[in-house]
Amino acid sequence: MKPLNYAILKYFATVEEASADDVMEALKGEYGHFKAFKKPAVIEALMTAVTNGLLEETRYDLDEEGELRVFYHAHEEGAATINKYIKD
């Protein structure tokens, strides 16, 4: 099993775009029992990936509860870097 942050990054190499909620839904089966598997920690991991140039923000909207939802995607170079260093 990969570390959670690796799994988050690897997920973005397989989808066009996703929000923190999408990531949590996709990974909850394998990582739902992790102490760090909480929305603020996932958002922090995504923001760190943006800062490190692996992901970029694509759009924003509000969810059903009026909470801001940010979508991200791995651009071509970011996806290549993720796949180079994080093997399946």
C-alpha atoms as a PDB file:
ATOM      1  CA  MET A   1       0.000   0.000   0.000  1.00  0.00           C
ATOM      2  CA  LYS A   2       1.304   3.431  -0.972  1.00  0.00           C
ATOM      3  CA  PRO A   3       1.525   6.290   1.526  1.00  0.00           C
ATOM      4  CA  LEU A   4      -1.674   8.369   1.423  1.00  0.00           C
ATOM      5  CA  ASN A   5      -0.057  11.405  -0.227  1.00  0.00           C
ATOM      6  CA  TYR A   6       1.364   9.178  -2.962  1.00  0.00           C
ATOM      7  CA  ALA A   7      -2.067   7.632  -3.533  1.00  0.00           C
ATOM      8  CA  ILE A   8      -3.602  11.106  -3.808  1.00  0.00           C
ATOM      9  CA  LEU A   9      -1.048  12.162  -6.427  1.00  0.00           C
ATOM     10  CA  LYS A  10      -1.334   8.884  -8.329  1.00  0.00           C
ATOM     11  CA  TYR A  11      -5.115   9.325  -8.480  1.00  0.00           C
ATOM     12  CA  PHE A  12      -4.625  12.583 -10.382  1.00  0.00           C
ATOM     13  CA  ALA A  13      -2.556  10.771 -12.989  1.00  0.00           C
ATOM     14  CA  THR A  14      -5.691   8.738 -13.807  1.00  0.00           C
ATOM     15  CA  VAL A  15      -8.447  11.395 -13.943  1.00  0.00           C
ATOM     16  CA  GLU A  16      -9.065  14.559 -15.940  1.00  0.00           C
ATOM     17  CA  GLU A  17      -9.860  16.623 -12.824  1.00  0.00           C
ATOM     18  CA  ALA A  18     -11.077  16.106  -9.281  1.00  0.00           C
ATOM     19  CA  SER A  19     -11.870  17.882  -6.042  1.00  0.00           C
ATOM     20  CA  ALA A  20     -10.869  16.878  -2.511  1.00  0.00           C
ATOM     21  CA  ASP A  21     -14.297  15.245  -2.160  1.00  0.00           C
ATOM     22  CA  ASP A  22     -13.692  13.202  -5.321  1.00  0.00           C
ATOM     23  CA  VAL A  23     -10.305  12.076  -3.995  1.00  0.00           C
ATOM     24  CA  MET A  24     -11.810  11.031  -0.683  1.00  0.00           C
ATOM     25  CA  GLU A  25     -14.598   9.100  -2.380  1.00  0.00           C
ATOM     26  CA  ALA A  26     -12.131   7.293  -4.664  1.00  0.00           C
ATOM     27  CA  LEU A  27      -9.687   6.386  -1.891  1.00  0.00           C
ATOM     28  CA  LYS A  28     -11.989   5.758   1.080  1.00  0.00           C
ATOM     29  CA  GLY A  29     -12.099   1.997   0.569  1.00  0.00           C
ATOM     30  CA  GLU A  30      -8.357   1.630   0.960  1.00  0.00           C
ATOM     31  CA  TYR A  31      -7.462   4.644   3.126  1.00  0.00           C
ATOM     32  CA  GLY A  32     -10.663   5.425   5.035  1.00  0.00           C
ATOM     33  CA  HIS A  33      -9.217   4.012   8.261  1.00  0.00           C
ATOM     34  CA  PHE A  34      -6.111   6.256   8.131  1.00  0.00           C
ATOM     35  CA  LYS A  35      -6.003   8.910  10.843  1.00  0.00           C
ATOM     36  CA  ALA A  36      -4.875  11.509   8.254  1.00  0.00           C
ATOM     37  CA  PHE A  37      -7.760  10.684   5.896  1.00  0.00           C
ATOM     38  CA  LYS A  38      -9.691  13.833   6.687  1.00  0.00           C
ATOM     39  CA  LYS A  39     -10.766  16.534   4.278  1.00  0.00           C
ATOM     40  CA  PRO A  40      -8.454  19.281   5.652  1.00  0.00           C
ATOM     41  CA  ALA A  41      -5.433  16.959   5.306  1.00  0.00           C
ATOM     42  CA  VAL A  42      -6.408  16.007   1.751  1.00  0.00           C
ATOM     43  CA  ILE A  43      -6.834  19.690   0.838  1.00  0.00           C
ATOM     44  CA  GLU A  44      -3.419  20.424   2.356  1.00  0.00           C
ATOM     45  CA  ALA A  45      -1.865  17.629   0.268  1.00  0.00           C
ATOM     46  CA  LEU A  46      -3.499  19.041  -2.874  1.00  0.00           C
ATOM     47  CA  MET A  47      -2.322  22.573  -2.128  1.00  0.00           C
ATOM     48  CA  THR A  48       1.209  21.269  -1.528  1.00  0.00           C
ATOM     49  CA  ALA A  49       1.104  19.476  -4.888  1.00  0.00           C
ATOM     50  CA  VAL A  50       0.039  22.745  -6.545  1.00  0.00           C
ATOM     51  CA  THR A  51       2.893  24.604  -4.839  1.00  0.00           C
ATOM     52  CA  ASN A  52       5.314  21.917  -6.019  1.00  0.00           C
ATOM     53  CA  GLY A  53       4.068  22.200  -9.610  1.00  0.00           C
ATOM     54  CA  LEU A  54       2.524  18.727  -9.862  1.00  0.00           C
ATOM     55  CA  LEU A  55      -1.111  19.838  -9.970  1.00  0.00           C
ATOM     56  CA  GLU A  56      -2.943  22.985 -10.967  1.00  0.00           C
ATOM     57  CA  GLU A  57      -6.327  24.387 -10.057  1.00  0.00           C
ATOM     58  CA  THR A  58      -8.868  24.125 -12.870  1.00  0.00           C
ATOM     59  CA  ARG A  59     -12.106  25.592 -11.530  1.00  0.00           C
ATOM     60  CA  TYR A  60     -14.162  26.462  -8.464  1.00  0.00           C
ATOM     61  CA  ASP A  61     -17.790  26.047  -7.460  1.00  0.00           C
ATOM     62  CA  LEU A  62     -19.972  25.656  -4.390  1.00  0.00           C
ATOM     63  CA  ASP A  63     -21.137  22.254  -3.190  1.00  0.00           C
ATOM     64  CA  GLU A  64     -24.700  21.517  -2.037  1.00  0.00           C
ATOM     65  CA  GLU A  65     -23.921  22.968   1.393  1.00  0.00           C
ATOM     66  CA  GLY A  66     -22.479  26.201   0.007  1.00  0.00           C
ATOM     67  CA  GLU A  67     -18.877  25.209   0.731  1.00  0.00           C
ATOM     68  CA  LEU A  68     -16.214  26.217  -1.759  1.00  0.00           C
ATOM     69  CA  ARG A  69     -15.007  23.283  -3.831  1.00  0.00           C
ATOM     70  CA  VAL A  70     -11.759  23.555  -5.800  1.00  0.00           C
ATOM     71  CA  PHE A  71     -10.974  21.208  -8.685  1.00  0.00           C
ATOM     72  CA  TYR A  72      -7.439  20.241  -9.678  1.00  0.00           C
ATOM     73  CA  HIS A  73      -5.748  18.330 -12.455  1.00  0.00           C
ATOM     74  CA  ALA A  74      -2.292  17.000 -13.213  1.00  0.00           C
ATOM     75  CA  HIS A  75      -1.002  18.789 -16.293  1.00  0.00           C
ATOM     76  CA  GLU A  76       1.105  16.777 -18.728  1.00  0.00           C
ATOM     77  CA  GLU A  77       4.442  17.493 -17.037  1.00  0.00           C
ATOM     78  CA  GLY A  78       2.997  16.974 -13.553  1.00  0.00           C
ATOM     79  CA  ALA A  79       1.456  13.624 -14.520  1.00  0.00           C
ATOM     80  CA  ALA A  80       4.743  12.524 -16.083  1.00  0.00           C
ATOM     81  CA  THR A  81       6.616  13.413 -12.890  1.00  0.00           C
ATOM     82  CA  ILE A  82       4.056  11.631 -10.697  1.00  0.00           C
ATOM     83  CA  ASN A  83       4.237   8.492 -12.846  1.00  0.00           C
ATOM     84  CA  LYS A  84       8.037   8.606 -12.953  1.00  0.00           C
ATOM     85  CA  TYR A  85       8.483   8.656  -9.171  1.00  0.00           C
ATOM     86  CA  ILE A  86       5.382   6.823  -7.937  1.00  0.00           C
ATOM     87  CA  LYS A  87       5.094   3.383  -9.462  1.00  0.00           C
ATOM     88  CA  ASP A  88       1.892   1.335  -9.447  1.00  0.00           C
END
